[in-house]
Amino acid sequence: MQKFFEDNKFAISWGILSLIVLAVFGSIFLIAKTADEVKKFGQNDNPYNNSISVDGTGEVVALPDVASFNFTVDETSESVDSAQKMATEKNNKTLEYLKSQGIEDKDIKTLSYNINPKYEWQEGPRTTGFYNPGKNVLIGYEVTQNTDVKIRDTKKAGEILAGIGGIGISNVSGLQFKVDDDEALKAEVRTKAITDSKKKADDIAKALGVKIVRTISFYENTDQPYYGDAVGMGGGMMEAKVASAVAPQLPTGENKIVSKVSVTYEIK
């Protein structure tokens, strides 16, 4: 064995040297590859190093041009047929009145129609030595129909509410004054917000001595218009009990829509 190593020591030395050289070059390649990947990762993490981000705000105030509310007809009787008949008569009478006030069919929409059994808890007869817990007893059926109404002449809202109260509708809720085509207002307020952000970006770019190239990103947060509860005068969807024929005064106020945008611009 010793003679074998002595006779082939040159070949063995050359082989070891070759392995060392390959290992060194392999290490250099891996280091270079890793550095290149790290460089690429950094570039992809923030592809637009030269950029500025600004906020813009737009606001529009508009007078409401429609009023909306919903009313509920609620009737109970010993049979489904009887309850339905009573509810239908009252609802049809209300619809006739609304149409006589110029409300069109397209502005009257049924939201729900329900028929439910109505039960009453009755105590069982008390007997000596025994306890009867009682039971639910069917006493009739309840029919409820909920209808949404839109009034395009806001000045007539109070008069119409008084009118349906006179018919016997005692459950009215959600009266609101709002802008019918609020999408047009949202578009207008968005344009104002973008214009505001562009002006701020131009001022910053001028101060920095750079130029705006293009828009990189855009984000919008539009505040929904606030519609006060005209019946409850406290906001939300408070229920109103219309019990008299006196027309209430219902100030419409004004609605405000605000758009806030955040825009990032590339600069050079």
C-alpha atoms as a PDB file:
ATOM      1  CA  MET A   1       0.000   0.000   0.000  1.00  0.00           C
ATOM      2  CA  GLN A   2       2.861   2.388   0.902  1.00  0.00           C
ATOM      3  CA  LYS A   3       4.529   1.607  -2.426  1.00  0.00           C
ATOM      4  CA  PHE A   4       1.259   2.414  -4.205  1.00  0.00           C
ATOM      5  CA  PHE A   5       1.055   5.890  -2.612  1.00  0.00           C
ATOM      6  CA  GLU A   6       4.731   6.562  -3.356  1.00  0.00           C
ATOM      7  CA  ASP A   7       4.290   5.572  -7.010  1.00  0.00           C
ATOM      8  CA  ASN A   8       1.100   7.697  -7.412  1.00  0.00           C
ATOM      9  CA  LYS A   9       1.765  10.627  -5.082  1.00  0.00           C
ATOM     10  CA  PHE A  10       1.902  13.114  -7.982  1.00  0.00           C
ATOM     11  CA  ALA A  11      -1.503  12.099  -9.298  1.00  0.00           C
ATOM     12  CA  ILE A  12      -3.004  12.183  -5.811  1.00  0.00           C
ATOM     13  CA  SER A  13      -1.569  15.650  -5.093  1.00  0.00           C
ATOM     14  CA  TRP A  14      -2.934  16.977  -8.371  1.00  0.00           C
ATOM     15  CA  GLY A  15      -6.381  15.543  -7.582  1.00  0.00           C
ATOM     16  CA  ILE A  16      -6.457  17.167  -4.136  1.00  0.00           C
ATOM     17  CA  LEU A  17      -5.372  20.500  -5.618  1.00  0.00           C
ATOM     18  CA  SER A  18      -8.127  20.257  -8.231  1.00  0.00           C
ATOM     19  CA  LEU A  19     -10.729  19.655  -5.531  1.00  0.00           C
ATOM     20  CA  ILE A  20      -9.475  22.682  -3.556  1.00  0.00           C
ATOM     21  CA  VAL A  21      -9.650  24.908  -6.655  1.00  0.00           C
ATOM     22  CA  LEU A  22     -13.178  23.730  -7.465  1.00  0.00           C
ATOM     23  CA  ALA A  23     -14.278  24.377  -3.881  1.00  0.00           C
ATOM     24  CA  VAL A  24     -12.860  27.918  -3.970  1.00  0.00           C
ATOM     25  CA  PHE A  25     -14.544  28.771  -7.266  1.00  0.00           C
ATOM     26  CA  GLY A  26     -17.767  27.230  -6.049  1.00  0.00           C
ATOM     27  CA  SER A  27     -17.706  29.403  -2.933  1.00  0.00           C
ATOM     28  CA  ILE A  28     -17.025  32.527  -5.001  1.00  0.00           C
ATOM     29  CA  PHE A  29     -19.989  31.679  -7.273  1.00  0.00           C
ATOM     30  CA  LEU A  30     -22.341  31.153  -4.339  1.00  0.00           C
ATOM     31  CA  ILE A  31     -21.270  34.431  -2.705  1.00  0.00           C
ATOM     32  CA  ALA A  32     -21.806  36.345  -5.950  1.00  0.00           C
ATOM     33  CA  LYS A  33     -25.182  34.684  -6.528  1.00  0.00           C
ATOM     34  CA  THR A  34     -26.333  35.469  -2.985  1.00  0.00           C
ATOM     35  CA  ALA A  35     -25.258  39.106  -3.308  1.00  0.00           C
ATOM     36  CA  ASP A  36     -27.145  39.397  -6.602  1.00  0.00           C
ATOM     37  CA  GLU A  37     -30.306  37.949  -5.030  1.00  0.00           C
ATOM     38  CA  VAL A  38     -30.038  40.304  -2.056  1.00  0.00           C
ATOM     39  CA  LYS A  39     -29.672  43.240  -4.441  1.00  0.00           C
ATOM     40  CA  LYS A  40     -32.735  42.136  -6.429  1.00  0.00           C
ATOM     41  CA  PHE A  41     -34.757  41.649  -3.242  1.00  0.00           C
ATOM     42  CA  GLY A  42     -33.988  45.177  -2.147  1.00  0.00           C
ATOM     43  CA  GLN A  43     -35.027  46.555  -5.526  1.00  0.00           C
ATOM     44  CA  ASN A  44     -38.305  44.633  -5.603  1.00  0.00           C
ATOM     45  CA  ASP A  45     -39.093  45.614  -2.040  1.00  0.00           C
ATOM     46  CA  ASN A  46     -39.194  49.277  -3.022  1.00  0.00           C
ATOM     47  CA  PRO A  47     -39.304  49.604  -6.819  1.00  0.00           C
ATOM     48  CA  TYR A  48     -39.911  53.365  -6.661  1.00  0.00           C
ATOM     49  CA  ASN A  49     -37.247  54.881  -4.482  1.00  0.00           C
ATOM     50  CA  ASN A  50     -37.816  58.343  -5.937  1.00  0.00           C
ATOM     51  CA  SER A  51     -41.386  59.178  -4.989  1.00  0.00           C
ATOM     52  CA  ILE A  52     -43.508  61.434  -2.795  1.00  0.00           C
ATOM     53  CA  SER A  53     -46.869  60.695  -1.153  1.00  0.00           C
ATOM     54  CA  VAL A  54     -49.428  63.393  -0.410  1.00  0.00           C
ATOM     55  CA  ASP A  55     -52.992  63.591   0.902  1.00  0.00           C
ATOM     56  CA  GLY A  56     -55.822  65.557  -0.668  1.00  0.00           C
ATOM     57  CA  THR A  57     -59.262  66.553   0.592  1.00  0.00           C
ATOM     58  CA  GLY A  58     -62.445  67.556  -1.228  1.00  0.00           C
ATOM     59  CA  GLU A  59     -65.788  68.634   0.154  1.00  0.00           C
ATOM     60  CA  VAL A  60     -69.247  69.251  -1.307  1.00  0.00           C
ATOM     61  CA  VAL A  61     -72.310  70.582   0.504  1.00  0.00           C
ATOM     62  CA  ALA A  62     -75.714  70.031  -1.105  1.00  0.00           C
ATOM     63  CA  LEU A  63     -79.350  70.641  -0.240  1.00  0.00           C
ATOM     64  CA  PRO A  64     -81.477  67.456  -0.055  1.00  0.00           C
ATOM     65  CA  ASP A  65     -83.873  67.016  -2.957  1.00  0.00           C
ATOM     66  CA  VAL A  66     -85.823  63.940  -1.804  1.00  0.00           C
ATOM     67  CA  ALA A  67     -87.341  62.629   1.420  1.00  0.00           C
ATOM     68  CA  SER A  68     -87.843  58.975   2.233  1.00  0.00           C
ATOM     69  CA  PHE A  69     -89.601  57.034   4.973  1.00  0.00           C
ATOM     70  CA  ASN A  70     -91.265  53.673   5.507  1.00  0.00           C
ATOM     71  CA  PHE A  71     -94.550  52.746   7.141  1.00  0.00           C
ATOM     72  CA  THR A  72     -95.874  49.473   8.516  1.00  0.00           C
ATOM     73  CA  VAL A  73     -99.419  48.135   8.452  1.00  0.00           C
ATOM     74  CA  ASP A  74     -99.929  45.670  11.309  1.00  0.00           C
ATOM     75  CA  GLU A  75    -103.236  43.827  11.750  1.00  0.00           C
ATOM     76  CA  THR A  76    -104.208  40.839  13.897  1.00  0.00           C
ATOM     77  CA  SER A  77    -107.318  38.671  13.618  1.00  0.00           C
ATOM     78  CA  GLU A  78    -108.566  35.186  14.507  1.00  0.00           C
ATOM     79  CA  SER A  79    -107.821  33.834  10.999  1.00  0.00           C
ATOM     80  CA  VAL A  80    -105.213  34.436   8.327  1.00  0.00           C
ATOM     81  CA  ASP A  81    -107.885  35.432   5.810  1.00  0.00           C
ATOM     82  CA  SER A  82    -109.402  38.002   8.137  1.00  0.00           C
ATOM     83  CA  ALA A  83    -106.013  39.487   9.121  1.00  0.00           C
ATOM     84  CA  GLN A  84    -104.970  39.727   5.472  1.00  0.00           C
ATOM     85  CA  LYS A  85    -108.206  41.429   4.513  1.00  0.00           C
ATOM     86  CA  MET A  86    -107.842  44.057   7.251  1.00  0.00           C
ATOM     87  CA  ALA A  87    -104.184  44.740   6.387  1.00  0.00           C
ATOM     88  CA  THR A  88    -104.881  44.908   2.655  1.00  0.00           C
ATOM     89  CA  GLU A  89    -107.718  47.397   3.067  1.00  0.00           C
ATOM     90  CA  LYS A  90    -105.632  49.742   5.194  1.00  0.00           C
ATOM     91  CA  ASN A  91    -102.548  49.409   2.991  1.00  0.00           C
ATOM     92  CA  ASN A  92    -104.493  50.003  -0.230  1.00  0.00           C
ATOM     93  CA  LYS A  93    -106.158  53.065   1.271  1.00  0.00           C
ATOM     94  CA  THR A  94    -102.734  54.436   2.192  1.00  0.00           C
ATOM     95  CA  LEU A  95    -101.348  53.773  -1.290  1.00  0.00           C
ATOM     96  CA  GLU A  96    -104.311  55.535  -2.880  1.00  0.00           C
ATOM     97  CA  TYR A  97    -103.674  58.551  -0.689  1.00  0.00           C
ATOM     98  CA  LEU A  98     -99.959  58.622  -1.575  1.00  0.00           C
ATOM     99  CA  LYS A  99    -100.704  58.483  -5.296  1.00  0.00           C
ATOM    100  CA  SER A 100    -103.255  61.294  -4.908  1.00  0.00           C
ATOM    101  CA  GLN A 101    -100.364  63.371  -3.523  1.00  0.00           C
ATOM    102  CA  GLY A 102     -98.312  62.841  -6.666  1.00  0.00           C
ATOM    103  CA  ILE A 103     -96.179  59.921  -5.461  1.00  0.00           C
ATOM    104  CA  GLU A 104     -95.387  57.701  -8.473  1.00  0.00           C
ATOM    105  CA  ASP A 105     -95.430  53.893  -8.477  1.00  0.00           C
ATOM    106  CA  LYS A 106     -91.638  53.762  -8.937  1.00  0.00           C
ATOM    107  CA  ASP A 107     -91.208  55.586  -5.628  1.00  0.00           C
ATOM    108  CA  ILE A 108     -93.307  53.118  -3.593  1.00  0.00           C
ATOM    109  CA  LYS A 109     -91.703  49.765  -2.783  1.00  0.00           C
ATOM    110  CA  THR A 110     -92.800  46.897  -0.553  1.00  0.00           C
ATOM    111  CA  LEU A 111     -89.949  45.980   1.786  1.00  0.00           C
ATOM    112  CA  SER A 112     -91.558  42.992   3.518  1.00  0.00           C
ATOM    113  CA  TYR A 113     -94.838  41.095   3.919  1.00  0.00           C
ATOM    114  CA  ASN A 114     -95.172  38.650   6.820  1.00  0.00           C
ATOM    115  CA  ILE A 115     -97.861  36.387   8.247  1.00  0.00           C
ATOM    116  CA  ASN A 116     -97.199  34.946  11.697  1.00  0.00           C
ATOM    117  CA  PRO A 117     -99.280  33.022  14.234  1.00  0.00           C
ATOM    118  CA  LYS A 118     -99.857  34.943  17.447  1.00  0.00           C
ATOM    119  CA  TYR A 119     -99.765  33.122  20.755  1.00  0.00           C
ATOM    120  CA  GLU A 120    -100.721  34.084  24.276  1.00  0.00           C
ATOM    121  CA  TRP A 121     -99.442  32.451  27.445  1.00  0.00           C
ATOM    122  CA  GLN A 122    -102.272  31.101  29.563  1.00  0.00           C
ATOM    123  CA  GLU A 123    -101.824  29.763  33.079  1.00  0.00           C
ATOM    124  CA  GLY A 124    -103.181  26.289  33.718  1.00  0.00           C
ATOM    125  CA  PRO A 125    -105.981  25.674  36.244  1.00  0.00           C
ATOM    126  CA  ARG A 126    -104.691  25.289  39.793  1.00  0.00           C
ATOM    127  CA  THR A 127    -105.868  22.096  41.554  1.00  0.00           C
ATOM    128  CA  THR A 128    -105.132  20.824  45.043  1.00  0.00           C
ATOM    129  CA  GLY A 129    -101.898  18.888  45.110  1.00  0.00           C
ATOM    130  CA  PHE A 130    -101.107  19.395  41.424  1.00  0.00           C
ATOM    131  CA  TYR A 131     -99.281  22.142  39.493  1.00  0.00           C
ATOM    132  CA  ASN A 132    -100.222  22.943  35.914  1.00  0.00           C
ATOM    133  CA  PRO A 133     -97.464  25.076  34.270  1.00  0.00           C
ATOM    134  CA  GLY A 134     -99.720  26.514  31.591  1.00  0.00           C
ATOM    135  CA  LYS A 135     -99.132  26.713  27.847  1.00  0.00           C
ATOM    136  CA  ASN A 136     -99.018  28.943  24.759  1.00  0.00           C
ATOM    137  CA  VAL A 137    -102.419  29.207  23.126  1.00  0.00           C
ATOM    138  CA  LEU A 138    -102.960  30.305  19.527  1.00  0.00           C
ATOM    139  CA  ILE A 139    -105.186  33.388  19.595  1.00  0.00           C
ATOM    140  CA  GLY A 140    -104.941  34.503  15.975  1.00  0.00           C
ATOM    141  CA  TYR A 141    -102.673  35.584  13.154  1.00  0.00           C
ATOM    142  CA  GLU A 142    -100.698  38.766  12.570  1.00  0.00           C
ATOM    143  CA  VAL A 143    -100.095  40.278   9.135  1.00  0.00           C
ATOM    144  CA  THR A 144     -97.464  42.995   8.712  1.00  0.00           C
ATOM    145  CA  GLN A 145     -96.543  44.830   5.537  1.00  0.00           C
ATOM    146  CA  ASN A 146     -93.659  47.303   5.445  1.00  0.00           C
ATOM    147  CA  THR A 147     -93.496  49.832   2.594  1.00  0.00           C
ATOM    148  CA  ASP A 148     -90.811  52.358   1.594  1.00  0.00           C
ATOM    149  CA  VAL A 149     -91.852  55.723   0.126  1.00  0.00           C
ATOM    150  CA  LYS A 150     -89.806  58.395  -1.638  1.00  0.00           C
ATOM    151  CA  ILE A 151     -91.113  61.977  -1.780  1.00  0.00           C
ATOM    152  CA  ARG A 152     -89.554  64.108  -4.501  1.00  0.00           C
ATOM    153  CA  ASP A 153     -91.202  67.331  -3.336  1.00  0.00           C
ATOM    154  CA  THR A 154     -89.595  67.687   0.100  1.00  0.00           C
ATOM    155  CA  LYS A 155     -91.941  70.541   1.067  1.00  0.00           C
ATOM    156  CA  LYS A 156     -94.848  68.083   1.096  1.00  0.00           C
ATOM    157  CA  ALA A 157     -93.207  65.599   3.480  1.00  0.00           C
ATOM    158  CA  GLY A 158     -94.914  66.917   6.618  1.00  0.00           C
ATOM    159  CA  GLU A 159     -98.314  67.078   4.942  1.00  0.00           C
ATOM    160  CA  ILE A 160     -98.017  63.513   3.638  1.00  0.00           C
ATOM    161  CA  LEU A 161     -96.990  62.166   7.043  1.00  0.00           C
ATOM    162  CA  ALA A 162     -99.980  63.856   8.609  1.00  0.00           C
ATOM    163  CA  GLY A 163    -102.214  62.399   5.885  1.00  0.00           C
ATOM    164  CA  ILE A 164    -101.213  58.775   6.428  1.00  0.00           C
ATOM    165  CA  GLY A 165    -101.544  59.325  10.167  1.00  0.00           C
ATOM    166  CA  GLY A 166    -105.126  60.369   9.574  1.00  0.00           C
ATOM    167  CA  ILE A 167    -105.734  57.092   7.722  1.00  0.00           C
ATOM    168  CA  GLY A 168    -104.700  55.154  10.809  1.00  0.00           C
ATOM    169  CA  ILE A 169    -101.049  54.365  10.094  1.00  0.00           C
ATOM    170  CA  SER A 170     -99.338  54.676  13.466  1.00  0.00           C
ATOM    171  CA  ASN A 171     -95.965  53.105  12.706  1.00  0.00           C
ATOM    172  CA  VAL A 172     -93.654  55.308  10.614  1.00  0.00           C
ATOM    173  CA  SER A 173     -89.860  55.124  10.739  1.00  0.00           C
ATOM    174  CA  GLY A 174     -86.669  56.285   9.080  1.00  0.00           C
ATOM    175  CA  LEU A 175     -87.704  59.645   7.651  1.00  0.00           C
ATOM    176  CA  GLN A 176     -84.614  61.135   5.997  1.00  0.00           C
ATOM    177  CA  PHE A 177     -83.838  64.019   3.661  1.00  0.00           C
ATOM    178  CA  LYS A 178     -81.109  63.196   1.167  1.00  0.00           C
ATOM    179  CA  VAL A 179     -79.678  63.834  -2.279  1.00  0.00           C
ATOM    180  CA  ASP A 180     -81.181  61.438  -4.805  1.00  0.00           C
ATOM    181  CA  ASP A 181     -78.185  61.317  -7.182  1.00  0.00           C
ATOM    182  CA  ASP A 182     -75.344  61.277  -4.667  1.00  0.00           C
ATOM    183  CA  GLU A 183     -73.015  59.406  -7.078  1.00  0.00           C
ATOM    184  CA  ALA A 184     -72.596  62.601  -9.100  1.00  0.00           C
ATOM    185  CA  LEU A 185     -71.637  64.431  -5.905  1.00  0.00           C
ATOM    186  CA  LYS A 186     -69.154  61.707  -4.975  1.00  0.00           C
ATOM    187  CA  ALA A 187     -67.492  62.055  -8.383  1.00  0.00           C
ATOM    188  CA  GLU A 188     -67.305  65.821  -7.951  1.00  0.00           C
ATOM    189  CA  VAL A 189     -65.817  65.635  -4.475  1.00  0.00           C
ATOM    190  CA  ARG A 190     -63.288  63.000  -5.608  1.00  0.00           C
ATOM    191  CA  THR A 191     -62.078  65.294  -8.400  1.00  0.00           C
ATOM    192  CA  LYS A 192     -61.636  68.102  -5.879  1.00  0.00           C
ATOM    193  CA  ALA A 193     -59.595  65.850  -3.604  1.00  0.00           C
ATOM    194  CA  ILE A 194     -57.321  64.713  -6.447  1.00  0.00           C
ATOM    195  CA  THR A 195     -56.802  68.312  -7.562  1.00  0.00           C
ATOM    196  CA  ASP A 196     -55.867  69.217  -3.988  1.00  0.00           C
ATOM    197  CA  SER A 197     -53.326  66.373  -3.790  1.00  0.00           C
ATOM    198  CA  LYS A 198     -51.803  67.335  -7.170  1.00  0.00           C
ATOM    199  CA  LYS A 199     -51.334  70.935  -6.074  1.00  0.00           C
ATOM    200  CA  LYS A 200     -49.588  69.811  -2.889  1.00  0.00           C
ATOM    201  CA  ALA A 201     -47.358  67.442  -4.879  1.00  0.00           C
ATOM    202  CA  ASP A 202     -46.426  70.209  -7.330  1.00  0.00           C
ATOM    203  CA  ASP A 203     -45.506  72.524  -4.456  1.00  0.00           C
ATOM    204  CA  ILE A 204     -43.326  69.857  -2.822  1.00  0.00           C
ATOM    205  CA  ALA A 205     -41.647  68.933  -6.121  1.00  0.00           C
ATOM    206  CA  LYS A 206     -40.876  72.597  -6.804  1.00  0.00           C
ATOM    207  CA  ALA A 207     -39.350  73.017  -3.355  1.00  0.00           C
ATOM    208  CA  LEU A 208     -37.204  69.895  -3.854  1.00  0.00           C
ATOM    209  CA  GLY A 209     -36.143  70.884  -7.349  1.00  0.00           C
ATOM    210  CA  VAL A 210     -37.572  67.751  -8.973  1.00  0.00           C
ATOM    211  CA  LYS A 211     -40.312  66.939 -11.466  1.00  0.00           C
ATOM    212  CA  ILE A 212     -43.364  64.720 -11.161  1.00  0.00           C
ATOM    213  CA  VAL A 213     -43.276  61.877 -13.684  1.00  0.00           C
ATOM    214  CA  ARG A 214     -46.485  59.941 -13.083  1.00  0.00           C
ATOM    215  CA  THR A 215     -48.944  58.607 -10.509  1.00  0.00           C
ATOM    216  CA  ILE A 216     -47.835  55.369  -8.849  1.00  0.00           C
ATOM    217  CA  SER A 217     -50.694  54.616  -6.450  1.00  0.00           C
ATOM    218  CA  PHE A 218     -54.059  56.039  -5.406  1.00  0.00           C
ATOM    219  CA  TYR A 219     -56.320  55.416  -2.413  1.00  0.00           C
ATOM    220  CA  GLU A 220     -59.651  57.064  -1.588  1.00  0.00           C
ATOM    221  CA  ASN A 221     -61.728  57.225   1.572  1.00  0.00           C
ATOM    222  CA  THR A 222     -65.090  58.881   0.950  1.00  0.00           C
ATOM    223  CA  ASP A 223     -67.197  59.820   3.952  1.00  0.00           C
ATOM    224  CA  GLN A 224     -70.809  58.844   3.385  1.00  0.00           C
ATOM    225  CA  PRO A 225     -73.207  61.793   3.598  1.00  0.00           C
ATOM    226  CA  TYR A 226     -74.916  62.208   6.957  1.00  0.00           C
ATOM    227  CA  TYR A 227     -78.688  62.145   6.792  1.00  0.00           C
ATOM    228  CA  GLY A 228     -80.330  63.394   9.964  1.00  0.00           C
ATOM    229  CA  ASP A 229     -83.470  61.696  11.225  1.00  0.00           C
ATOM    230  CA  ALA A 230     -86.075  64.324  10.450  1.00  0.00           C
ATOM    231  CA  VAL A 231     -88.708  62.714  12.641  1.00  0.00           C
ATOM    232  CA  GLY A 232     -86.647  61.997  15.741  1.00  0.00           C
ATOM    233  CA  MET A 233     -84.311  64.961  15.067  1.00  0.00           C
ATOM    234  CA  GLY A 234     -81.580  62.926  16.722  1.00  0.00           C
ATOM    235  CA  GLY A 235     -79.978  60.875  13.968  1.00  0.00           C
ATOM    236  CA  GLY A 236     -80.314  57.158  13.314  1.00  0.00           C
ATOM    237  CA  MET A 237     -83.550  55.363  12.552  1.00  0.00           C
ATOM    238  CA  MET A 238     -85.848  56.397  15.381  1.00  0.00           C
ATOM    239  CA  GLU A 239     -89.458  55.302  15.147  1.00  0.00           C
ATOM    240  CA  ALA A 240     -92.136  57.966  14.834  1.00  0.00           C
ATOM    241  CA  LYS A 241     -95.711  57.499  15.996  1.00  0.00           C
ATOM    242  CA  VAL A 242     -97.908  59.550  13.680  1.00  0.00           C
ATOM    243  CA  ALA A 243    -101.166  59.966  15.549  1.00  0.00           C
ATOM    244  CA  SER A 244    -102.619  63.270  14.427  1.00  0.00           C
ATOM    245  CA  ALA A 245    -103.487  65.092  11.229  1.00  0.00           C
ATOM    246  CA  VAL A 246    -101.382  68.152  12.109  1.00  0.00           C
ATOM    247  CA  ALA A 247     -98.599  68.554   9.524  1.00  0.00           C
ATOM    248  CA  PRO A 248     -95.219  68.692  11.331  1.00  0.00           C
ATOM    249  CA  GLN A 249     -92.507  71.166  10.342  1.00  0.00           C
ATOM    250  CA  LEU A 250     -89.564  69.185   8.926  1.00  0.00           C
ATOM    251  CA  PRO A 251     -86.422  71.253   8.202  1.00  0.00           C
ATOM    252  CA  THR A 252     -84.316  69.572   5.502  1.00  0.00           C
ATOM    253  CA  GLY A 253     -80.928  71.019   6.494  1.00  0.00           C
ATOM    254  CA  GLU A 254     -77.962  70.265   4.237  1.00  0.00           C
ATOM    255  CA  ASN A 255     -75.805  67.236   3.462  1.00  0.00           C
ATOM    256  CA  LYS A 256     -72.013  67.187   3.262  1.00  0.00           C
ATOM    257  CA  ILE A 257     -69.840  64.667   1.408  1.00  0.00           C
ATOM    258  CA  VAL A 258     -66.078  64.578   2.068  1.00  0.00           C
ATOM    259  CA  SER A 259     -63.468  62.665   0.060  1.00  0.00           C
ATOM    260  CA  LYS A 260     -59.936  62.033   1.329  1.00  0.00           C
ATOM    261  CA  VAL A 261     -57.339  60.649  -1.069  1.00  0.00           C
ATOM    262  CA  SER A 262     -53.745  59.510  -0.712  1.00  0.00           C
ATOM    263  CA  VAL A 263     -51.662  59.661  -3.889  1.00  0.00           C
ATOM    264  CA  THR A 264     -48.055  58.593  -4.521  1.00  0.00           C
ATOM    265  CA  TYR A 265     -46.172  60.251  -7.385  1.00  0.00           C
ATOM    266  CA  GLU A 266     -42.909  59.186  -9.037  1.00  0.00           C
ATOM    267  CA  ILE A 267     -40.368  61.997  -9.260  1.00  0.00           C
ATOM    268  CA  LYS A 268     -37.046  62.523 -11.061  1.00  0.00           C
END
